[in-house]
Amino acid sequence: MSTDPFKNLDPAQTVKVLPRHLAGPGPISPSTVWPFLLDKDWSLHQPEEGTAFATSPCLRLWTGFEPKPEEPRKGTWTIAANRAPFGPTAWRITLDASTPVELLHDLHTELLDLYLEDRYSDRDWLYEDATAPHEAYAPLFAHGWSHQVKTDGTQTFLAPDGLGGVRHRYATTGSDSPTWRAWGGYPSEPHWQARFSFGTPTTLVAAFTASLISTEPVHRTAQDVPFHTRRHLYVAAAIPAKQMSGSLPVAPSPQGVGPGRSL
């Protein structure tokens, strides 16, 4: 794409855009990202300033948002699991706050499903996930992502535009390096990154990559779309201001995100 599709748009104009990895973060807030029943089940600590936390009833799972609006990536989202309440961390996911909000929402929705599956079964789904790695990366092939394998034990999948990627450290058996890493933007200076530590359930990674390649357009204002990659975005529709009220809606999760779970 050689021209800027936002050139003649008012900065406040709302648009629906693809691909998701270049869309910008969208509305950043726990209420947009977290699907938990905070008033009935999960515990919430959300001060006016500083880090917000949500904790599962079993106290083994928590997610937090540390806002840093003055920084380019706006802060950090963290998901972590402990085998025992307040014990050592078994696995951790960290994501820049500049990660598209739809990816964050779909990841947390799958997290809640996995937690409920773990809570009402005799399996430790949070720590013994049987999902094969290919379920997280095979869908990328169907959407035209390239694949490169290196002898250092990593394989990398790049978006057709070269401005998004997923790296899988398949030979890792326990290390400080993330088993999975995803990013959007130029590889040398991405707009956002997501890191999944060793031990993270592959089911969560699969939900994240499925959301990453979803063809459901997302809502953004023209001014919120990263400037340096906007030439690579497709504007699906421009939405008149009178049709928008309140905060921007999160696009619904695409059909078939990760392995379906129900109670």
C-alpha atoms as a PDB file:
ATOM      1  CA  MET A   1       0.000   0.000   0.000  1.00  0.00           C
ATOM      2  CA  SER A   2       1.670   3.224  -1.185  1.00  0.00           C
ATOM      3  CA  THR A   3      -0.711   5.899   0.109  1.00  0.00           C
ATOM      4  CA  ASP A   4      -1.814   6.874   3.600  1.00  0.00           C
ATOM      5  CA  PRO A   5      -5.471   5.790   3.953  1.00  0.00           C
ATOM      6  CA  PHE A   6      -5.907   8.243   6.848  1.00  0.00           C
ATOM      7  CA  LYS A   7      -4.572  11.299   5.030  1.00  0.00           C
ATOM      8  CA  ASN A   8      -7.952  12.945   4.423  1.00  0.00           C
ATOM      9  CA  LEU A   9      -9.649  11.820   7.625  1.00  0.00           C
ATOM     10  CA  ASP A  10     -10.328  13.979  10.654  1.00  0.00           C
ATOM     11  CA  PRO A  11      -8.102  12.817  13.558  1.00  0.00           C
ATOM     12  CA  ALA A  12     -11.227  12.049  15.603  1.00  0.00           C
ATOM     13  CA  GLN A  13     -12.867  10.054  12.808  1.00  0.00           C
ATOM     14  CA  THR A  14     -13.679   6.501  13.872  1.00  0.00           C
ATOM     15  CA  VAL A  15     -12.731   3.756  11.449  1.00  0.00           C
ATOM     16  CA  LYS A  16     -12.724  -0.041  11.254  1.00  0.00           C
ATOM     17  CA  VAL A  17      -9.302  -1.354  10.311  1.00  0.00           C
ATOM     18  CA  LEU A  18      -7.218  -4.460   9.616  1.00  0.00           C
ATOM     19  CA  PRO A  19      -4.799  -6.097  10.266  1.00  0.00           C
ATOM     20  CA  ARG A  20      -5.071  -6.093  14.041  1.00  0.00           C
ATOM     21  CA  HIS A  21      -1.353  -6.144  14.756  1.00  0.00           C
ATOM     22  CA  LEU A  22      -0.959  -2.626  13.317  1.00  0.00           C
ATOM     23  CA  ALA A  23      -4.189  -1.078  14.619  1.00  0.00           C
ATOM     24  CA  GLY A  24      -2.818   0.527  17.779  1.00  0.00           C
ATOM     25  CA  PRO A  25      -3.906  -0.242  21.343  1.00  0.00           C
ATOM     26  CA  GLY A  26      -7.448   1.131  21.422  1.00  0.00           C
ATOM     27  CA  PRO A  27      -9.105   1.990  24.766  1.00  0.00           C
ATOM     28  CA  ILE A  28      -6.742   0.935  27.558  1.00  0.00           C
ATOM     29  CA  SER A  29      -8.539  -0.021  30.762  1.00  0.00           C
ATOM     30  CA  PRO A  30      -9.123  -3.126  32.896  1.00  0.00           C
ATOM     31  CA  SER A  31     -12.884  -2.806  32.394  1.00  0.00           C
ATOM     32  CA  THR A  32     -12.350  -3.228  28.637  1.00  0.00           C
ATOM     33  CA  VAL A  33      -9.896  -6.104  28.931  1.00  0.00           C
ATOM     34  CA  TRP A  34     -11.062  -8.202  31.896  1.00  0.00           C
ATOM     35  CA  PRO A  35     -14.121 -10.452  31.430  1.00  0.00           C
ATOM     36  CA  PHE A  36     -14.188 -11.561  35.079  1.00  0.00           C
ATOM     37  CA  LEU A  37     -17.245 -11.379  37.334  1.00  0.00           C
ATOM     38  CA  LEU A  38     -15.463  -9.039  39.682  1.00  0.00           C
ATOM     39  CA  ASP A  39     -18.471  -8.377  41.888  1.00  0.00           C
ATOM     40  CA  LYS A  40     -19.325 -12.068  42.400  1.00  0.00           C
ATOM     41  CA  ASP A  41     -16.171 -14.101  41.998  1.00  0.00           C
ATOM     42  CA  TRP A  42     -12.787 -12.560  41.306  1.00  0.00           C
ATOM     43  CA  SER A  43     -11.345  -9.930  43.657  1.00  0.00           C
ATOM     44  CA  LEU A  44     -10.457  -6.524  42.256  1.00  0.00           C
ATOM     45  CA  HIS A  45      -8.037  -3.925  43.547  1.00  0.00           C
ATOM     46  CA  GLN A  46      -8.116  -0.824  41.390  1.00  0.00           C
ATOM     47  CA  PRO A  47      -6.761   2.391  42.940  1.00  0.00           C
ATOM     48  CA  GLU A  48      -7.248   5.746  41.236  1.00  0.00           C
ATOM     49  CA  GLU A  49      -3.559   5.650  40.321  1.00  0.00           C
ATOM     50  CA  GLY A  50      -1.094   2.800  40.094  1.00  0.00           C
ATOM     51  CA  THR A  51      -1.391  -0.914  39.383  1.00  0.00           C
ATOM     52  CA  ALA A  52      -4.794  -2.612  39.181  1.00  0.00           C
ATOM     53  CA  PHE A  53      -5.079  -6.293  40.139  1.00  0.00           C
ATOM     54  CA  ALA A  54      -7.663  -9.045  39.708  1.00  0.00           C
ATOM     55  CA  THR A  55      -7.219 -12.270  41.675  1.00  0.00           C
ATOM     56  CA  SER A  56      -8.994 -15.608  41.283  1.00  0.00           C
ATOM     57  CA  PRO A  57     -10.926 -17.055  44.263  1.00  0.00           C
ATOM     58  CA  CYS A  58      -8.298 -19.814  44.630  1.00  0.00           C
ATOM     59  CA  LEU A  59      -5.568 -17.145  44.907  1.00  0.00           C
ATOM     60  CA  ARG A  60      -3.369 -19.048  42.466  1.00  0.00           C
ATOM     61  CA  LEU A  61      -4.043 -16.845  39.463  1.00  0.00           C
ATOM     62  CA  TRP A  62      -3.770 -13.083  39.091  1.00  0.00           C
ATOM     63  CA  THR A  63      -3.652 -10.470  36.376  1.00  0.00           C
ATOM     64  CA  GLY A  64      -2.556  -6.877  36.686  1.00  0.00           C
ATOM     65  CA  PHE A  65      -2.237  -3.650  34.740  1.00  0.00           C
ATOM     66  CA  GLU A  66       0.511  -1.143  35.529  1.00  0.00           C
ATOM     67  CA  PRO A  67      -0.224   2.049  33.546  1.00  0.00           C
ATOM     68  CA  LYS A  68       2.626   4.273  32.415  1.00  0.00           C
ATOM     69  CA  PRO A  69       0.940   6.756  30.081  1.00  0.00           C
ATOM     70  CA  GLU A  70       4.090   8.850  29.766  1.00  0.00           C
ATOM     71  CA  GLU A  71       6.002   5.966  28.143  1.00  0.00           C
ATOM     72  CA  PRO A  72       5.726   4.900  24.471  1.00  0.00           C
ATOM     73  CA  ARG A  73       4.217   1.486  25.306  1.00  0.00           C
ATOM     74  CA  LYS A  74       1.891   2.917  27.977  1.00  0.00           C
ATOM     75  CA  GLY A  75       2.638   0.337  30.679  1.00  0.00           C
ATOM     76  CA  THR A  76       2.410  -3.426  31.194  1.00  0.00           C
ATOM     77  CA  TRP A  77      -0.245  -6.118  31.524  1.00  0.00           C
ATOM     78  CA  THR A  78       0.828  -9.205  33.484  1.00  0.00           C
ATOM     79  CA  ILE A  79      -0.823 -12.593  33.973  1.00  0.00           C
ATOM     80  CA  ALA A  80       0.762 -15.060  36.394  1.00  0.00           C
ATOM     81  CA  ALA A  81      -0.062 -18.406  37.993  1.00  0.00           C
ATOM     82  CA  ASN A  82       1.204 -19.952  41.231  1.00  0.00           C
ATOM     83  CA  ARG A  83       0.804 -23.630  42.096  1.00  0.00           C
ATOM     84  CA  ALA A  84      -0.085 -22.602  45.649  1.00  0.00           C
ATOM     85  CA  PRO A  85      -1.540 -19.309  46.928  1.00  0.00           C
ATOM     86  CA  PHE A  86       1.239 -16.722  47.249  1.00  0.00           C
ATOM     87  CA  GLY A  87       3.796 -19.360  46.218  1.00  0.00           C
ATOM     88  CA  PRO A  88       6.482 -19.185  43.516  1.00  0.00           C
ATOM     89  CA  THR A  89       5.312 -18.196  40.037  1.00  0.00           C
ATOM     90  CA  ALA A  90       4.801 -21.210  37.776  1.00  0.00           C
ATOM     91  CA  TRP A  91       4.390 -19.202  34.570  1.00  0.00           C
ATOM     92  CA  ARG A  92       3.933 -15.602  33.494  1.00  0.00           C
ATOM     93  CA  ILE A  93       2.676 -13.597  30.515  1.00  0.00           C
ATOM     94  CA  THR A  94       3.696  -9.964  30.044  1.00  0.00           C
ATOM     95  CA  LEU A  95       2.246  -7.667  27.391  1.00  0.00           C
ATOM     96  CA  ASP A  96       2.865  -4.042  26.566  1.00  0.00           C
ATOM     97  CA  ALA A  97      -0.142  -1.811  27.181  1.00  0.00           C
ATOM     98  CA  SER A  98       0.219  -0.761  23.537  1.00  0.00           C
ATOM     99  CA  THR A  99      -0.913  -4.271  22.519  1.00  0.00           C
ATOM    100  CA  PRO A 100      -4.254  -4.077  20.649  1.00  0.00           C
ATOM    101  CA  VAL A 101      -7.024  -4.292  23.244  1.00  0.00           C
ATOM    102  CA  GLU A 102      -8.900  -6.988  21.318  1.00  0.00           C
ATOM    103  CA  LEU A 103      -5.937  -9.354  21.683  1.00  0.00           C
ATOM    104  CA  LEU A 104      -5.795  -8.632  25.405  1.00  0.00           C
ATOM    105  CA  HIS A 105      -9.538  -9.197  25.819  1.00  0.00           C
ATOM    106  CA  ASP A 106      -9.544 -12.495  23.916  1.00  0.00           C
ATOM    107  CA  LEU A 107      -6.523 -13.717  25.882  1.00  0.00           C
ATOM    108  CA  HIS A 108      -8.198 -12.936  29.227  1.00  0.00           C
ATOM    109  CA  THR A 109     -11.455 -14.528  28.064  1.00  0.00           C
ATOM    110  CA  GLU A 110      -9.591 -17.765  27.348  1.00  0.00           C
ATOM    111  CA  LEU A 111      -7.803 -17.403  30.681  1.00  0.00           C
ATOM    112  CA  LEU A 112     -11.168 -17.311  32.450  1.00  0.00           C
ATOM    113  CA  ASP A 113     -12.383 -20.368  30.511  1.00  0.00           C
ATOM    114  CA  LEU A 114      -9.209 -22.265  31.396  1.00  0.00           C
ATOM    115  CA  TYR A 115      -9.544 -21.282  35.056  1.00  0.00           C
ATOM    116  CA  LEU A 116     -13.146 -22.524  35.182  1.00  0.00           C
ATOM    117  CA  GLU A 117     -12.159 -25.757  33.465  1.00  0.00           C
ATOM    118  CA  ASP A 118      -9.407 -26.202  36.049  1.00  0.00           C
ATOM    119  CA  ARG A 119     -11.714 -25.347  38.952  1.00  0.00           C
ATOM    120  CA  TYR A 120     -14.444 -27.825  38.084  1.00  0.00           C
ATOM    121  CA  SER A 121     -12.383 -30.796  36.942  1.00  0.00           C
ATOM    122  CA  ASP A 122      -9.820 -33.204  38.312  1.00  0.00           C
ATOM    123  CA  ARG A 123      -7.194 -31.945  35.859  1.00  0.00           C
ATOM    124  CA  ASP A 124      -4.703 -29.166  36.529  1.00  0.00           C
ATOM    125  CA  TRP A 125      -5.423 -27.290  33.293  1.00  0.00           C
ATOM    126  CA  LEU A 126      -3.489 -24.234  34.441  1.00  0.00           C
ATOM    127  CA  TYR A 127      -0.273 -26.278  34.731  1.00  0.00           C
ATOM    128  CA  GLU A 128      -0.763 -29.448  32.670  1.00  0.00           C
ATOM    129  CA  ASP A 129      -2.213 -28.150  29.424  1.00  0.00           C
ATOM    130  CA  ALA A 130      -2.074 -30.824  26.711  1.00  0.00           C
ATOM    131  CA  THR A 131      -2.554 -28.436  23.764  1.00  0.00           C
ATOM    132  CA  ALA A 132       0.098 -29.071  21.103  1.00  0.00           C
ATOM    133  CA  PRO A 133       2.236 -26.099  19.971  1.00  0.00           C
ATOM    134  CA  HIS A 134       1.066 -26.414  16.366  1.00  0.00           C
ATOM    135  CA  GLU A 135      -2.427 -25.361  17.457  1.00  0.00           C
ATOM    136  CA  ALA A 136      -0.954 -21.948  18.246  1.00  0.00           C
ATOM    137  CA  TYR A 137       0.980 -21.477  15.019  1.00  0.00           C
ATOM    138  CA  ALA A 138      -0.690 -23.625  12.317  1.00  0.00           C
ATOM    139  CA  PRO A 139      -3.481 -21.038  11.730  1.00  0.00           C
ATOM    140  CA  LEU A 140      -0.802 -18.492  10.836  1.00  0.00           C
ATOM    141  CA  PHE A 141       0.047 -20.480   7.688  1.00  0.00           C
ATOM    142  CA  ALA A 142      -3.552 -20.273   6.487  1.00  0.00           C
ATOM    143  CA  HIS A 143      -3.318 -16.484   6.667  1.00  0.00           C
ATOM    144  CA  GLY A 144      -0.150 -16.226   4.597  1.00  0.00           C
ATOM    145  CA  TRP A 145       2.411 -15.892   7.365  1.00  0.00           C
ATOM    146  CA  SER A 146       5.926 -17.041   6.478  1.00  0.00           C
ATOM    147  CA  HIS A 147       7.911 -19.606   8.470  1.00  0.00           C
ATOM    148  CA  GLN A 148      11.618 -19.813   9.258  1.00  0.00           C
ATOM    149  CA  VAL A 149      13.319 -22.417  11.450  1.00  0.00           C
ATOM    150  CA  LYS A 150      16.762 -21.881  12.950  1.00  0.00           C
ATOM    151  CA  THR A 151      19.218 -24.338  14.442  1.00  0.00           C
ATOM    152  CA  ASP A 152      19.166 -22.433  17.741  1.00  0.00           C
ATOM    153  CA  GLY A 153      15.833 -24.049  18.575  1.00  0.00           C
ATOM    154  CA  THR A 154      13.541 -21.223  17.452  1.00  0.00           C
ATOM    155  CA  GLN A 155      11.031 -20.847  14.672  1.00  0.00           C
ATOM    156  CA  THR A 156       9.658 -17.506  13.534  1.00  0.00           C
ATOM    157  CA  PHE A 157       6.405 -16.681  11.757  1.00  0.00           C
ATOM    158  CA  LEU A 158       6.109 -13.304  10.021  1.00  0.00           C
ATOM    159  CA  ALA A 159       2.978 -11.525   8.809  1.00  0.00           C
ATOM    160  CA  PRO A 160       2.680 -10.976   5.036  1.00  0.00           C
ATOM    161  CA  ASP A 161       3.494  -7.274   5.526  1.00  0.00           C
ATOM    162  CA  GLY A 162       6.595  -8.143   7.587  1.00  0.00           C
ATOM    163  CA  LEU A 163       5.349  -5.912  10.393  1.00  0.00           C
ATOM    164  CA  GLY A 164       4.152  -8.559  12.829  1.00  0.00           C
ATOM    165  CA  GLY A 165       5.595 -11.777  14.102  1.00  0.00           C
ATOM    166  CA  VAL A 166       5.402 -14.771  16.424  1.00  0.00           C
ATOM    167  CA  ARG A 167       8.533 -16.564  17.651  1.00  0.00           C
ATOM    168  CA  HIS A 168       8.413 -20.009  19.252  1.00  0.00           C
ATOM    169  CA  ARG A 169      11.385 -21.389  21.203  1.00  0.00           C
ATOM    170  CA  TYR A 170      10.538 -25.043  20.617  1.00  0.00           C
ATOM    171  CA  ALA A 171      13.756 -26.493  22.092  1.00  0.00           C
ATOM    172  CA  THR A 172      13.387 -24.738  25.459  1.00  0.00           C
ATOM    173  CA  THR A 173      12.969 -26.933  28.529  1.00  0.00           C
ATOM    174  CA  GLY A 174      13.111 -24.137  31.084  1.00  0.00           C
ATOM    175  CA  SER A 175      14.818 -20.789  30.650  1.00  0.00           C
ATOM    176  CA  ASP A 176      14.548 -17.087  31.335  1.00  0.00           C
ATOM    177  CA  SER A 177      13.816 -16.545  27.635  1.00  0.00           C
ATOM    178  CA  PRO A 178      10.122 -16.602  26.690  1.00  0.00           C
ATOM    179  CA  THR A 179       8.873 -19.764  25.022  1.00  0.00           C
ATOM    180  CA  TRP A 180       6.623 -17.597  22.840  1.00  0.00           C
ATOM    181  CA  ARG A 181       6.980 -13.972  21.792  1.00  0.00           C
ATOM    182  CA  ALA A 182       4.700 -11.922  19.555  1.00  0.00           C
ATOM    183  CA  TRP A 183       5.009  -8.363  18.278  1.00  0.00           C
ATOM    184  CA  GLY A 184       3.508  -5.783  15.961  1.00  0.00           C
ATOM    185  CA  GLY A 185       5.376  -3.108  13.995  1.00  0.00           C
ATOM    186  CA  TYR A 186       8.930  -3.050  12.704  1.00  0.00           C
ATOM    187  CA  PRO A 187      10.925  -5.945  14.249  1.00  0.00           C
ATOM    188  CA  SER A 188      13.724  -3.577  15.310  1.00  0.00           C
ATOM    189  CA  GLU A 189      11.312  -1.223  17.098  1.00  0.00           C
ATOM    190  CA  PRO A 190       7.886  -2.869  17.533  1.00  0.00           C
ATOM    191  CA  HIS A 191       4.826  -0.944  18.706  1.00  0.00           C
ATOM    192  CA  TRP A 192       4.019  -3.749  21.135  1.00  0.00           C
ATOM    193  CA  GLN A 193       5.337  -7.080  22.379  1.00  0.00           C
ATOM    194  CA  ALA A 194       3.845 -10.040  24.229  1.00  0.00           C
ATOM    195  CA  ARG A 195       5.948 -12.642  26.050  1.00  0.00           C
ATOM    196  CA  PHE A 196       4.808 -16.066  27.282  1.00  0.00           C
ATOM    197  CA  SER A 197       7.165 -17.787  29.714  1.00  0.00           C
ATOM    198  CA  PHE A 198       8.046 -21.470  29.832  1.00  0.00           C
ATOM    199  CA  GLY A 199       5.098 -23.387  31.303  1.00  0.00           C
ATOM    200  CA  THR A 200       2.404 -21.036  29.999  1.00  0.00           C
ATOM    201  CA  PRO A 201      -0.568 -23.120  28.755  1.00  0.00           C
ATOM    202  CA  THR A 202      -0.407 -23.345  24.972  1.00  0.00           C
ATOM    203  CA  THR A 203      -4.182 -22.916  24.980  1.00  0.00           C
ATOM    204  CA  LEU A 204      -3.634 -19.276  25.960  1.00  0.00           C
ATOM    205  CA  VAL A 205      -1.059 -18.756  23.217  1.00  0.00           C
ATOM    206  CA  ALA A 206      -3.461 -20.273  20.681  1.00  0.00           C
ATOM    207  CA  ALA A 207      -6.229 -17.888  21.752  1.00  0.00           C
ATOM    208  CA  PHE A 208      -3.830 -14.959  21.369  1.00  0.00           C
ATOM    209  CA  THR A 209      -2.630 -15.939  17.877  1.00  0.00           C
ATOM    210  CA  ALA A 210      -6.204 -16.640  16.743  1.00  0.00           C
ATOM    211  CA  SER A 211      -7.197 -13.135  17.792  1.00  0.00           C
ATOM    212  CA  LEU A 212      -4.048 -11.749  16.177  1.00  0.00           C
ATOM    213  CA  ILE A 213      -5.007 -13.049  12.721  1.00  0.00           C
ATOM    214  CA  SER A 214      -8.763 -12.528  13.050  1.00  0.00           C
ATOM    215  CA  THR A 215     -10.377 -10.900  10.016  1.00  0.00           C
ATOM    216  CA  GLU A 216     -12.926  -9.092  12.222  1.00  0.00           C
ATOM    217  CA  PRO A 217     -12.024  -5.374  11.825  1.00  0.00           C
ATOM    218  CA  VAL A 218     -11.395  -3.343  14.975  1.00  0.00           C
ATOM    219  CA  HIS A 219     -12.598   0.172  15.847  1.00  0.00           C
ATOM    220  CA  ARG A 220     -10.065   2.984  16.141  1.00  0.00           C
ATOM    221  CA  THR A 221      -9.936   6.736  15.757  1.00  0.00           C
ATOM    222  CA  ALA A 222      -7.621   7.908  13.000  1.00  0.00           C
ATOM    223  CA  GLN A 223      -5.352   9.666  15.505  1.00  0.00           C
ATOM    224  CA  ASP A 224      -4.862   6.482  17.533  1.00  0.00           C
ATOM    225  CA  VAL A 225      -3.439   4.429  14.673  1.00  0.00           C
ATOM    226  CA  PRO A 226       0.410   4.279  14.729  1.00  0.00           C
ATOM    227  CA  PHE A 227       1.720   6.728  12.161  1.00  0.00           C
ATOM    228  CA  HIS A 228       4.692   4.764  10.810  1.00  0.00           C
ATOM    229  CA  THR A 229       2.719   1.692   9.730  1.00  0.00           C
ATOM    230  CA  ARG A 230      -0.643   3.151   8.730  1.00  0.00           C
ATOM    231  CA  ARG A 231       0.149   2.785   5.029  1.00  0.00           C
ATOM    232  CA  HIS A 232      -0.094  -0.963   5.572  1.00  0.00           C
ATOM    233  CA  LEU A 233      -3.587  -0.807   7.099  1.00  0.00           C
ATOM    234  CA  TYR A 234      -6.852  -1.493   5.340  1.00  0.00           C
ATOM    235  CA  VAL A 235      -9.739   0.803   6.282  1.00  0.00           C
ATOM    236  CA  ALA A 236     -12.819  -1.411   6.165  1.00  0.00           C
ATOM    237  CA  ALA A 237     -15.284   1.389   6.971  1.00  0.00           C
ATOM    238  CA  ALA A 238     -15.541   4.892   8.370  1.00  0.00           C
ATOM    239  CA  ILE A 239     -18.163   5.279  11.095  1.00  0.00           C
ATOM    240  CA  PRO A 240     -20.112   8.552  11.439  1.00  0.00           C
ATOM    241  CA  ALA A 241     -19.561  10.174  14.820  1.00  0.00           C
ATOM    242  CA  LYS A 242     -23.303  10.160  15.581  1.00  0.00           C
ATOM    243  CA  GLN A 243     -23.245   6.348  15.581  1.00  0.00           C
ATOM    244  CA  MET A 244     -20.574   6.234  18.271  1.00  0.00           C
ATOM    245  CA  SER A 245     -21.284   6.848  21.932  1.00  0.00           C
ATOM    246  CA  GLY A 246     -19.209   6.155  25.028  1.00  0.00           C
ATOM    247  CA  SER A 247     -16.045   4.134  24.709  1.00  0.00           C
ATOM    248  CA  LEU A 248     -15.073   2.254  21.589  1.00  0.00           C
ATOM    249  CA  PRO A 249     -16.570  -1.244  21.496  1.00  0.00           C
ATOM    250  CA  VAL A 250     -14.326  -4.260  21.520  1.00  0.00           C
ATOM    251  CA  ALA A 251     -14.751  -6.399  18.421  1.00  0.00           C
ATOM    252  CA  PRO A 252     -16.366  -9.729  19.293  1.00  0.00           C
ATOM    253  CA  SER A 253     -14.090 -12.733  19.581  1.00  0.00           C
ATOM    254  CA  PRO A 254     -13.778 -14.518  16.212  1.00  0.00           C
ATOM    255  CA  GLN A 255     -15.466 -17.882  15.814  1.00  0.00           C
ATOM    256  CA  GLY A 256     -13.253 -20.782  16.741  1.00  0.00           C
ATOM    257  CA  VAL A 257     -10.716 -18.990  18.930  1.00  0.00           C
ATOM    258  CA  GLY A 258      -8.684 -21.742  20.512  1.00  0.00           C
ATOM    259  CA  PRO A 259     -10.190 -25.018  21.663  1.00  0.00           C
ATOM    260  CA  GLY A 260     -13.742 -24.388  22.831  1.00  0.00           C
ATOM    261  CA  ARG A 261     -14.437 -24.902  26.530  1.00  0.00           C
ATOM    262  CA  SER A 262     -17.747 -25.166  28.310  1.00  0.00           C
ATOM    263  CA  LEU A 263     -18.940 -26.345  31.676  1.00  0.00           C
END
